[in-house]
């Protein structure tokens, strides 16, 4: 619940900039308001939020498909 767009600013400046950001929210999915997603649209970064277990699987699939993907993951025990 403490993840705010500015806490993920790193993904706006890394090179190459990811086109897809997966946020793993721990054991359960956490809902974010539209402002969170709009913040990254400005930088053309698509964001998807899901429980960390699913996020890791999704990241691996995207990485195998050679997509420009990044992940921000919170451990399942938090």
C-alpha atoms as a PDB file:
ATOM      1  CA  UNK A   1       0.000   0.000   0.000  1.00  0.00           C
ATOM      2  CA  UNK A   2       3.009   2.258   0.334  1.00  0.00           C
ATOM      3  CA  UNK A   3       4.088   2.011  -3.310  1.00  0.00           C
ATOM      4  CA  UNK A   4       3.724   5.400  -4.946  1.00  0.00           C
ATOM      5  CA  UNK A   5       4.686   6.287  -8.523  1.00  0.00           C
ATOM      6  CA  UNK A   6       7.680   8.356  -7.414  1.00  0.00           C
ATOM      7  CA  UNK A   7       9.105   5.340  -5.540  1.00  0.00           C
ATOM      8  CA  UNK A   8       9.567   3.703  -8.943  1.00  0.00           C
ATOM      9  CA  UNK A   9      11.153   6.711 -10.674  1.00  0.00           C
ATOM     10  CA  UNK A  10      14.233   4.590 -11.312  1.00  0.00           C
ATOM     11  CA  UNK A  11      12.419   2.954 -14.211  1.00  0.00           C
ATOM     12  CA  UNK A  12      12.045   6.310 -15.963  1.00  0.00           C
ATOM     13  CA  UNK A  13      15.793   6.913 -16.136  1.00  0.00           C
ATOM     14  CA  UNK A  14      17.413   3.506 -16.646  1.00  0.00           C
ATOM     15  CA  UNK A  15      18.780   2.808 -20.099  1.00  0.00           C
ATOM     16  CA  UNK A  16      17.234   1.212 -21.999  1.00  0.00           C
ATOM     17  CA  UNK A  17      13.937   2.333 -20.548  1.00  0.00           C
ATOM     18  CA  UNK A  18      11.572  -0.606 -20.073  1.00  0.00           C
ATOM     19  CA  UNK A  19       8.421  -0.613 -22.129  1.00  0.00           C
ATOM     20  CA  UNK A  20       6.715  -2.912 -19.635  1.00  0.00           C
ATOM     21  CA  UNK A  21       6.918  -2.791 -15.823  1.00  0.00           C
ATOM     22  CA  UNK A  22       5.567  -5.599 -13.688  1.00  0.00           C
ATOM     23  CA  UNK A  23       4.875  -4.780 -10.040  1.00  0.00           C
ATOM     24  CA  UNK A  24       4.696  -7.740  -7.667  1.00  0.00           C
ATOM     25  CA  UNK A  25       2.773  -6.697  -4.553  1.00  0.00           C
ATOM     26  CA  UNK A  26       3.589  -9.579  -2.232  1.00  0.00           C
ATOM     27  CA  UNK A  27       1.275 -12.450  -1.380  1.00  0.00           C
ATOM     28  CA  UNK A  28      -1.869 -10.606  -2.499  1.00  0.00           C
ATOM     29  CA  UNK A  29      -2.691  -8.234  -5.323  1.00  0.00           C
ATOM     30  CA  UNK A  30      -2.985  -4.616  -4.266  1.00  0.00           C
ATOM     31  CA  UNK A  31      -5.195  -2.290  -6.282  1.00  0.00           C
ATOM     32  CA  UNK A  32      -3.758   1.049  -7.414  1.00  0.00           C
ATOM     33  CA  UNK A  33      -5.722   4.053  -8.574  1.00  0.00           C
ATOM     34  CA  UNK A  34      -5.554   5.260 -12.160  1.00  0.00           C
ATOM     35  CA  UNK A  35      -3.133   8.061 -11.250  1.00  0.00           C
ATOM     36  CA  UNK A  36      -0.504   5.404 -10.612  1.00  0.00           C
ATOM     37  CA  UNK A  37      -0.818   4.019 -14.134  1.00  0.00           C
ATOM     38  CA  UNK A  38      -1.175   7.462 -15.742  1.00  0.00           C
ATOM     39  CA  UNK A  39       2.138   8.494 -14.174  1.00  0.00           C
ATOM     40  CA  UNK A  40       3.947   5.889 -16.275  1.00  0.00           C
ATOM     41  CA  UNK A  41       1.880   6.376 -19.443  1.00  0.00           C
ATOM     42  CA  UNK A  42       3.613   9.722 -19.863  1.00  0.00           C
ATOM     43  CA  UNK A  43       6.880   7.787 -20.248  1.00  0.00           C
ATOM     44  CA  UNK A  44       5.308   5.096 -22.436  1.00  0.00           C
ATOM     45  CA  UNK A  45       5.795   2.401 -19.803  1.00  0.00           C
ATOM     46  CA  UNK A  46       2.944  -0.095 -19.511  1.00  0.00           C
ATOM     47  CA  UNK A  47       2.441  -1.183 -15.893  1.00  0.00           C
ATOM     48  CA  UNK A  48       0.825  -4.362 -14.668  1.00  0.00           C
ATOM     49  CA  UNK A  49       0.230  -5.132 -10.977  1.00  0.00           C
ATOM     50  CA  UNK A  50      -0.147  -8.659  -9.602  1.00  0.00           C
ATOM     51  CA  UNK A  51       0.884 -10.856  -6.666  1.00  0.00           C
ATOM     52  CA  UNK A  52       4.626 -11.471  -6.658  1.00  0.00           C
ATOM     53  CA  UNK A  53       4.356 -15.179  -7.513  1.00  0.00           C
ATOM     54  CA  UNK A  54       2.458 -14.322 -10.710  1.00  0.00           C
ATOM     55  CA  UNK A  55       4.722 -11.348 -11.400  1.00  0.00           C
ATOM     56  CA  UNK A  56       7.823 -13.543 -11.416  1.00  0.00           C
ATOM     57  CA  UNK A  57       6.213 -15.959 -13.861  1.00  0.00           C
ATOM     58  CA  UNK A  58       5.076 -13.094 -16.103  1.00  0.00           C
ATOM     59  CA  UNK A  59       8.533 -11.500 -15.985  1.00  0.00           C
ATOM     60  CA  UNK A  60      10.203 -14.765 -16.998  1.00  0.00           C
ATOM     61  CA  UNK A  61       7.805 -15.287 -19.912  1.00  0.00           C
ATOM     62  CA  UNK A  62       8.354 -11.723 -21.149  1.00  0.00           C
ATOM     63  CA  UNK A  63      12.100 -12.037 -20.718  1.00  0.00           C
ATOM     64  CA  UNK A  64      12.169 -15.293 -22.713  1.00  0.00           C
ATOM     65  CA  UNK A  65      10.225 -13.484 -25.447  1.00  0.00           C
ATOM     66  CA  UNK A  66      12.966 -10.824 -25.359  1.00  0.00           C
ATOM     67  CA  UNK A  67      10.599  -8.015 -24.386  1.00  0.00           C
ATOM     68  CA  UNK A  68      12.023  -4.907 -22.770  1.00  0.00           C
ATOM     69  CA  UNK A  69      10.611  -5.720 -19.319  1.00  0.00           C
ATOM     70  CA  UNK A  70      11.457  -4.728 -15.739  1.00  0.00           C
ATOM     71  CA  UNK A  71      10.030  -5.833 -12.419  1.00  0.00           C
ATOM     72  CA  UNK A  72       9.603  -4.337  -8.965  1.00  0.00           C
ATOM     73  CA  UNK A  73       8.923  -7.179  -6.559  1.00  0.00           C
ATOM     74  CA  UNK A  74       7.903  -7.261  -2.904  1.00  0.00           C
ATOM     75  CA  UNK A  75       8.588 -10.618  -1.206  1.00  0.00           C
ATOM     76  CA  UNK A  76       5.557 -12.823  -0.552  1.00  0.00           C
ATOM     77  CA  UNK A  77       6.100 -12.707   3.200  1.00  0.00           C
ATOM     78  CA  UNK A  78       5.561  -8.940   3.448  1.00  0.00           C
END
